[in-house]
Protein backbone atom coordinates (compact mmCIF):
# COMPACT_ATOMS: atom_id res chain seq x y z
CA MET A 1 190.77 22.93 63.68
CA SER A 2 193.93 25.09 64.71
CA THR A 3 194.59 28.23 63.63
CA ILE A 4 198.50 27.44 64.74
CA ARG A 5 200.38 26.47 61.92
CA SER A 6 203.43 23.78 62.97
CA SER A 7 206.20 22.70 60.62
CA LEU A 8 205.28 19.09 61.94
CA SER A 9 203.63 16.14 59.93
CA ASP A 10 199.95 15.93 61.04
CA GLU A 11 201.45 12.45 62.12
CA ASN A 12 204.63 13.63 64.22
CA ARG A 13 202.25 16.54 65.67
CA GLU A 14 199.51 14.03 66.71
CA THR A 15 202.52 11.44 68.61
CA THR A 16 203.78 14.87 69.65
CA ALA A 17 200.23 16.26 71.52
CA LYS A 18 199.45 12.64 73.15
CA ALA A 19 203.31 12.86 74.77
CA LEU A 20 202.69 16.74 75.79
CA GLN A 21 199.12 16.03 77.10
CA GLY A 22 200.20 13.00 79.03
CA ALA A 23 203.06 14.90 80.78
CA LEU A 24 200.25 18.00 81.19
CA VAL A 25 197.42 16.04 83.25
CA ASP A 26 200.54 13.92 85.25
CA LEU A 27 202.15 17.85 85.77
CA ILE A 28 198.97 19.15 87.41
CA ASP A 29 198.09 16.46 89.53
CA LEU A 30 201.66 16.55 90.69
CA SER A 31 200.76 19.93 92.02
CA LEU A 32 197.43 19.21 93.19
CA VAL A 33 198.76 16.33 95.41
CA GLY A 34 201.52 18.65 96.45
CA LYS A 35 199.35 21.12 97.59
CA GLN A 36 197.35 18.67 99.45
CA ALA A 37 199.90 17.11 100.93
CA HIS A 38 201.41 20.72 102.08
CA TRP A 39 197.80 21.21 103.31
CA ASN A 40 197.36 17.89 105.65
CA VAL A 41 201.11 16.76 106.25
CA TYR A 42 202.05 16.13 110.18
CA GLY A 43 205.09 14.40 112.18
CA LYS A 44 208.42 15.21 113.13
CA ASN A 45 209.53 16.24 109.92
CA PHE A 46 206.21 18.51 109.29
CA ARG A 47 208.18 21.79 108.37
CA SER A 48 210.90 20.62 106.00
CA LEU A 49 207.95 19.06 104.01
CA HIS A 50 205.41 22.12 104.32
CA LEU A 51 208.41 23.40 102.42
CA GLN A 52 209.64 21.46 100.05
CA LEU A 53 205.79 20.31 98.90
CA ASP A 54 205.64 24.11 97.95
CA GLU A 55 208.65 24.11 96.13
CA ILE A 56 207.51 20.95 93.99
CA VAL A 57 204.26 22.63 93.86
CA VAL A 58 206.13 25.58 92.15
CA SER A 59 208.25 23.30 89.67
CA ALA A 60 205.09 21.24 88.46
CA ARG A 61 203.16 24.53 87.83
CA ASN A 62 205.92 25.87 85.85
CA ALA A 63 206.45 23.08 83.96
CA THR A 64 202.79 22.72 83.46
CA ASP A 65 202.83 25.95 81.59
CA LEU A 66 205.95 25.18 79.23
CA VAL A 67 204.29 21.92 78.43
CA ALA A 68 200.77 23.56 77.87
CA GLU A 69 202.51 26.21 75.60
CA ARG A 70 204.65 23.71 73.77
CA ALA A 71 201.06 22.01 72.59
CA ILE A 72 199.60 25.20 71.60
CA ALA A 73 202.87 26.49 69.50
CA ILE A 74 202.03 23.22 67.32
CA GLY A 75 198.79 23.94 66.94
CA VAL A 76 197.22 21.18 69.28
CA SER A 77 194.80 22.12 72.60
CA ALA A 78 195.73 21.85 76.33
CA ASP A 79 193.60 20.43 78.68
CA GLY A 80 193.81 20.74 82.09
CA ARG A 81 189.97 20.09 83.00
CA ALA A 82 190.16 18.27 86.21
CA SER A 83 187.47 15.69 84.82
CA THR A 84 190.88 15.07 82.12
CA VAL A 85 193.79 14.97 85.36
CA ALA A 86 191.34 12.90 87.19
CA GLU A 87 190.83 10.45 84.43
CA ALA A 88 193.99 10.78 82.87
CA SER A 89 196.65 10.82 85.42
CA SER A 90 199.43 8.51 86.19
CA VAL A 91 200.18 10.41 89.60
CA PRO A 92 198.69 7.85 92.68
CA LYS A 93 196.07 8.88 94.39
CA ILE A 94 196.30 11.29 97.91
CA HIS A 95 193.73 10.30 100.65
CA ASP A 96 192.03 13.06 102.09
CA GLY A 97 192.37 14.21 106.14
CA GLN A 98 195.55 14.45 107.14
CA ILE A 99 198.80 12.58 106.11
CA SER A 100 201.92 11.93 108.09
CA ASP A 101 205.51 12.41 107.27
CA THR A 102 206.44 9.04 106.19
CA GLU A 103 203.29 8.46 103.86
CA VAL A 104 204.00 11.76 102.30
CA VAL A 105 207.69 10.74 101.63
CA SER A 106 206.53 7.37 100.49
CA LEU A 107 203.46 8.99 98.86
CA PHE A 108 205.77 10.97 96.70
CA ILE A 109 208.39 8.63 95.40
CA ASP A 110 205.87 6.36 94.61
CA ALA A 111 204.25 9.53 92.41
CA TYR A 112 207.98 10.25 91.25
CA THR A 113 208.49 6.81 89.84
CA ALA A 114 205.04 6.53 88.00
CA ILE A 115 205.74 10.18 86.38
CA ILE A 116 209.15 9.58 85.45
CA ALA A 117 208.75 6.18 83.71
CA ASN A 118 205.62 7.62 81.49
CA MET A 119 207.88 10.89 80.93
CA ARG A 120 211.08 8.62 79.79
CA GLU A 121 208.61 6.99 77.47
CA ARG A 122 207.30 10.38 75.64
CA ILE A 123 210.92 11.59 75.38
CA GLU A 124 211.84 8.07 73.66
CA VAL A 125 208.58 8.50 71.11
CA THR A 126 209.11 12.27 70.94
CA GLU A 127 212.98 11.61 69.69
CA SER A 128 212.16 11.65 65.58
CA ALA A 129 208.63 13.20 66.11
CA ASP A 130 209.85 16.08 67.77
CA PRO A 131 213.06 16.70 68.97
CA VAL A 132 212.27 20.29 70.52
CA THR A 133 209.56 18.62 72.42
CA GLN A 134 211.89 15.66 73.42
CA ASP A 135 214.33 18.99 74.53
CA LEU A 136 211.74 20.45 76.53
CA LEU A 137 210.35 17.09 78.29
CA ILE A 138 214.37 15.89 78.71
CA GLY A 139 214.61 18.96 80.95
CA VAL A 140 211.44 18.35 82.91
CA THR A 141 212.34 14.79 83.64
CA ALA A 142 215.47 16.28 84.56
CA GLU A 143 213.91 18.61 87.49
CA LEU A 144 211.48 15.34 88.28
CA GLU A 145 214.61 12.92 88.63
CA LYS A 146 216.22 15.71 90.93
CA GLN A 147 212.99 15.96 92.97
CA SER A 148 213.01 11.98 93.60
CA TRP A 149 216.01 11.46 94.47
CA MET A 150 215.43 14.32 97.44
CA PHE A 151 212.37 12.31 98.33
CA GLN A 152 214.55 9.19 98.47
CA ALA A 153 217.34 10.28 100.35
CA GLU A 154 214.97 11.18 103.44
CA LEU A 155 213.98 7.77 103.87
CA SER A 156 217.86 6.48 103.98
């Protein structure tokens, strides 16, 4: 039982909590995969990707904090434990060891495609349940779509 009270009905809080938790695990995993790729990327585009991956990590971590704090604000817990993230994330897995620059670009295009599809579903289900959360998710999704575009442009 939370000591934080929310103006949301129990049903709307539950719907919103599920959307926020899904966003949270995807964003945490995106930041982890970003760091893994950052450390292990190689190839002719190493330098630019190495720097771009750090930008992704910072952006994902900032969004993670916004999402987690919104969950707490409506009276639900944010679960960012490694086991929860590993079990529930929609981010494609990254293999261990070195990864070529072209593999990194493809991996992140796939990651953004999956995350954005889920975020758009979360935006839809929070429309009437909690427009404040919906607004937050719209902002996060806009940034994800910008990053997705940048990776896609690298293959053009």
